[in-house]
Amino acid sequence: MRKPGSMKSLEDLGRVRLSKNFFLRDFLHSEIADFYRIPNIPDDPDLAVEAGRRLCEELLEPLQATFGRLHIRSAYRNRAVNEFGNRNKLNCSTNAATAADHIWDMRDAEGCMGATACIVIPWAWDREHAAGGWQSLAWWIHDHLPYASLCFFPKLWAFNIQWHERPQRRIRSFAEPRGLLTKPGMANHQGSHAHLYPGYPPLVMAAGS
């Protein structure tokens, strides 16, 4: 699939269905791209679609089936948008660090594929306003889904959720308490954490996702 060179071809690319409920167009919005007028168009549409499908099918669909509608804050960034964001201190890492993360169509240094979306789960935010409330959701995801990494933020408990071919299973946060919650090798990494998210629903796997 070629990189779109016209509005019509970009429109067609946006119609590519990644999973039961998500289309590629859902993930192309970027405030950086919009405000600074940098087209956020995949350079390698095939790789973006392949990685995006895994993110949607394995992580976003079960989250939406379980908790209701997800709010997508940001997701895909092409290299030009991400490089501009990094250069101008707009909360973007370098392209090398963001490959197989927000840059879906760029493999990382080890040749692996990955994709990240920053999302809000309204159900969890409405329930978990108290300081540190993001941890309940983090542990629920840890126990139920094959995420690669999670990173939480203070506003609305928004978080980056990554699918990756070689998942690190690492959770960190810029929301209080800040820092690393868990990673392989830590004493809290294994076993059930159900006591840390009382009242949370059981996992629902969406049919046909």
Protein backbone atom coordinates (compact mmCIF):
# COMPACT_ATOMS: atom_id res chain seq x y z
CA MET A 1 0.00 0.00 0.00
CA ARG A 2 1.50 3.35 -1.02
CA LYS A 3 1.65 6.44 1.15
CA PRO A 4 -1.41 8.54 0.25
CA GLY A 5 -0.63 11.33 -2.18
CA SER A 6 -4.08 12.85 -2.41
CA MET A 7 -7.02 13.67 -0.18
CA LYS A 8 -9.01 10.83 -1.76
CA SER A 9 -6.32 8.23 -1.10
CA LEU A 10 -5.96 9.48 2.49
CA GLU A 11 -9.73 9.21 2.89
CA ASP A 12 -9.56 5.63 1.65
CA LEU A 13 -6.74 4.81 4.06
CA GLY A 14 -8.77 6.17 6.95
CA ARG A 15 -11.51 3.66 6.09
CA VAL A 16 -9.21 0.69 6.74
CA ARG A 17 -10.81 -1.29 9.53
CA LEU A 18 -8.40 -2.34 12.26
CA SER A 19 -10.88 -4.29 14.38
CA LYS A 20 -14.59 -4.62 15.11
CA ASN A 21 -14.98 -1.07 16.41
CA PHE A 22 -11.88 0.82 15.26
CA PHE A 23 -10.76 2.27 11.94
CA LEU A 24 -7.38 3.78 11.12
CA ARG A 25 -8.88 7.27 10.92
CA ASP A 26 -9.70 7.07 14.65
CA PHE A 27 -5.98 7.23 15.41
CA LEU A 28 -4.64 9.85 12.98
CA HIS A 29 -5.65 13.00 14.90
CA SER A 30 -2.77 14.98 16.39
CA GLU A 31 -2.92 18.42 17.96
CA ILE A 32 0.70 18.97 16.94
CA ALA A 33 -0.08 18.06 13.34
CA ASP A 34 -3.24 20.18 13.26
CA PHE A 35 -1.85 23.30 14.90
CA TYR A 36 1.47 23.33 13.07
CA ARG A 37 0.03 22.06 9.78
CA ILE A 38 2.19 18.96 9.43
CA PRO A 39 0.33 16.12 7.65
CA ASN A 40 0.14 13.11 9.98
CA ILE A 41 0.09 10.53 7.18
CA PRO A 42 1.76 7.10 7.54
CA ASP A 43 4.96 6.71 5.55
CA ASP A 44 4.46 2.91 5.53
CA PRO A 45 0.70 2.32 5.62
CA ASP A 46 1.01 -1.49 5.59
CA LEU A 47 3.15 -1.55 8.72
CA ALA A 48 0.93 1.01 10.45
CA VAL A 49 -2.15 -1.08 9.72
CA GLU A 50 -0.51 -4.33 10.81
CA ALA A 51 0.69 -2.91 14.13
CA GLY A 52 -2.55 -1.00 14.68
CA ARG A 53 -4.61 -4.14 14.22
CA ARG A 54 -2.71 -5.92 16.96
CA LEU A 55 -3.15 -2.95 19.31
CA CYS A 56 -6.88 -2.78 18.62
CA GLU A 57 -7.69 -6.49 18.61
CA GLU A 58 -5.62 -7.50 21.63
CA LEU A 59 -5.93 -4.45 23.88
CA LEU A 60 -8.45 -1.78 22.90
CA GLU A 61 -11.33 -4.05 21.92
CA PRO A 62 -11.37 -5.98 25.23
CA LEU A 63 -11.04 -2.72 27.17
CA GLN A 64 -14.01 -1.20 25.35
CA ALA A 65 -16.06 -4.40 25.64
CA THR A 66 -15.42 -4.44 29.39
CA PHE A 67 -15.60 -0.77 30.38
CA GLY A 68 -17.58 0.92 27.62
CA ARG A 69 -16.48 3.53 25.13
CA LEU A 70 -12.83 4.57 25.12
CA HIS A 71 -11.70 8.14 24.53
CA ILE A 72 -8.63 8.24 22.27
CA ARG A 73 -6.40 11.18 23.24
CA SER A 74 -3.57 10.53 20.80
CA ALA A 75 -2.12 7.57 19.01
CA TYR A 76 -0.26 7.43 15.69
CA ARG A 77 2.41 10.03 14.89
CA ASN A 78 4.48 9.91 11.75
CA ARG A 79 8.19 10.64 11.84
CA ALA A 80 7.89 14.27 10.78
CA VAL A 81 5.25 15.08 13.41
CA ASN A 82 7.11 13.27 16.17
CA GLU A 83 10.46 14.82 15.27
CA PHE A 84 8.89 18.29 15.31
CA GLY A 85 7.30 17.54 18.70
CA ASN A 86 10.59 16.37 20.14
CA ARG A 87 12.58 19.30 18.75
CA ASN A 88 10.09 21.81 20.14
CA LYS A 89 9.63 20.14 23.55
CA LEU A 90 6.01 19.11 22.95
CA ASN A 91 6.15 15.92 25.02
CA CYS A 92 7.52 13.71 22.25
CA SER A 93 10.57 11.47 22.61
CA THR A 94 13.09 11.07 19.81
CA ASN A 95 12.04 9.12 16.75
CA ALA A 96 14.38 6.28 17.73
CA ALA A 97 12.75 6.04 21.16
CA THR A 98 9.23 6.35 19.71
CA ALA A 99 9.63 3.72 16.98
CA ALA A 100 7.18 0.81 17.45
CA ASP A 101 5.44 3.05 19.98
CA HIS A 102 3.57 6.15 18.77
CA ILE A 103 5.33 5.77 15.40
CA TRP A 104 3.48 2.64 14.34
CA ASP A 105 5.12 2.43 10.92
CA MET A 106 8.73 2.41 12.11
CA ARG A 107 10.30 -0.71 13.61
CA ASP A 108 12.49 -0.28 16.66
CA ALA A 109 16.26 -0.84 16.84
CA GLU A 110 15.71 -4.58 17.26
CA GLY A 111 13.45 -4.77 14.20
CA CYS A 112 10.27 -5.23 16.23
CA MET A 113 6.80 -3.93 15.47
CA GLY A 114 4.63 -2.07 17.96
CA ALA A 115 1.88 0.51 18.39
CA THR A 116 0.70 2.79 21.20
CA ALA A 117 -2.45 4.80 21.88
CA CYS A 118 -3.06 7.28 24.68
CA ILE A 119 -6.59 6.67 25.97
CA VAL A 120 -8.99 7.59 28.73
CA ILE A 121 -11.48 5.11 30.18
CA PRO A 122 -14.36 7.27 31.46
CA TRP A 123 -15.69 4.41 33.63
CA ALA A 124 -12.40 4.23 35.53
CA TRP A 125 -11.95 8.00 35.88
CA ASP A 126 -15.49 8.46 37.21
CA ARG A 127 -14.86 5.75 39.79
CA GLU A 128 -11.25 6.43 40.77
CA HIS A 129 -10.86 10.18 41.38
CA ALA A 130 -8.85 9.74 44.59
CA ALA A 131 -5.08 10.22 44.54
CA GLY A 132 -3.42 7.10 43.23
CA GLY A 133 -6.68 5.79 41.78
CA TRP A 134 -4.98 5.03 38.49
CA GLN A 135 -3.28 2.06 40.16
CA SER A 136 -6.51 0.05 40.33
CA LEU A 137 -6.90 0.25 36.56
CA ALA A 138 -3.20 -0.46 36.02
CA TRP A 139 -3.35 -3.67 38.05
CA TRP A 140 -6.57 -4.78 36.34
CA ILE A 141 -4.91 -4.40 32.93
CA HIS A 142 -1.78 -6.13 34.22
CA ASP A 143 -3.81 -9.16 35.32
CA HIS A 144 -6.00 -9.42 32.22
CA LEU A 145 -4.34 -8.15 29.02
CA PRO A 146 -1.11 -8.76 27.04
CA TYR A 147 0.07 -5.15 27.18
CA ALA A 148 3.71 -4.29 26.45
CA SER A 149 3.92 -1.12 28.55
CA LEU A 150 1.63 1.33 30.34
CA CYS A 151 2.33 4.92 31.30
CA PHE A 152 -0.23 6.95 33.28
CA PHE A 153 -0.78 10.73 33.37
CA PRO A 154 -2.54 12.96 35.94
CA LYS A 155 -5.39 14.33 33.81
CA LEU A 156 -8.37 11.92 33.62
CA TRP A 157 -5.97 9.02 34.35
CA ALA A 158 -5.11 9.08 30.65
CA PHE A 159 -2.51 6.45 29.83
CA ASN A 160 -0.36 5.17 27.01
CA ILE A 161 -1.04 1.52 26.29
CA GLN A 162 1.37 -0.26 23.98
CA TRP A 163 1.24 -3.48 22.03
CA HIS A 164 4.68 -4.78 21.04
CA GLU A 165 6.14 -7.99 19.64
CA ARG A 166 8.43 -8.24 22.68
CA PRO A 167 6.40 -6.90 25.60
CA GLN A 168 8.30 -5.49 28.57
CA ARG A 169 5.29 -5.68 30.90
CA ARG A 170 6.36 -2.44 32.56
CA ILE A 171 4.06 0.14 34.23
CA ARG A 172 5.13 3.66 35.15
CA SER A 173 3.32 6.89 35.97
CA PHE A 174 3.60 10.68 35.92
CA ALA A 175 0.51 10.75 38.15
CA GLU A 176 1.02 10.48 41.90
CA PRO A 177 2.54 8.32 43.16
CA ARG A 178 5.02 8.93 40.34
CA GLY A 179 7.55 6.42 39.12
CA LEU A 180 7.71 2.72 38.38
CA LEU A 181 4.82 0.56 39.57
CA THR A 182 6.06 -2.79 38.32
CA LYS A 183 8.31 -4.57 35.88
CA PRO A 184 9.58 -8.15 35.56
CA GLY A 185 11.75 -9.07 38.50
CA MET A 186 9.95 -6.87 41.01
CA ALA A 187 8.32 -8.68 43.92
CA ASN A 188 4.87 -7.35 43.03
CA HIS A 189 4.93 -8.45 39.38
CA GLN A 190 3.59 -12.01 39.60
CA GLY A 191 0.31 -13.43 40.84
CA SER A 192 -3.18 -12.00 41.13
CA HIS A 193 -3.73 -8.38 42.18
CA ALA A 194 -7.53 -8.62 42.37
CA HIS A 195 -7.57 -7.20 45.90
CA LEU A 196 -6.23 -3.92 44.45
CA TYR A 197 -9.20 -3.34 42.12
CA PRO A 198 -12.34 -4.35 44.06
CA GLY A 199 -15.60 -3.85 42.17
CA TYR A 200 -13.98 -3.97 38.74
CA PRO A 201 -15.83 -6.05 36.13
CA PRO A 202 -14.57 -9.34 34.74
CA LEU A 203 -12.83 -9.22 31.38
CA VAL A 204 -15.18 -9.24 28.39
CA MET A 205 -13.75 -10.34 25.06
CA ALA A 206 -15.60 -8.70 22.18
CA ALA A 207 -16.91 -11.22 19.66
CA GLY A 208 -15.37 -10.74 16.24
CA SER A 209 -12.72 -8.32 17.49
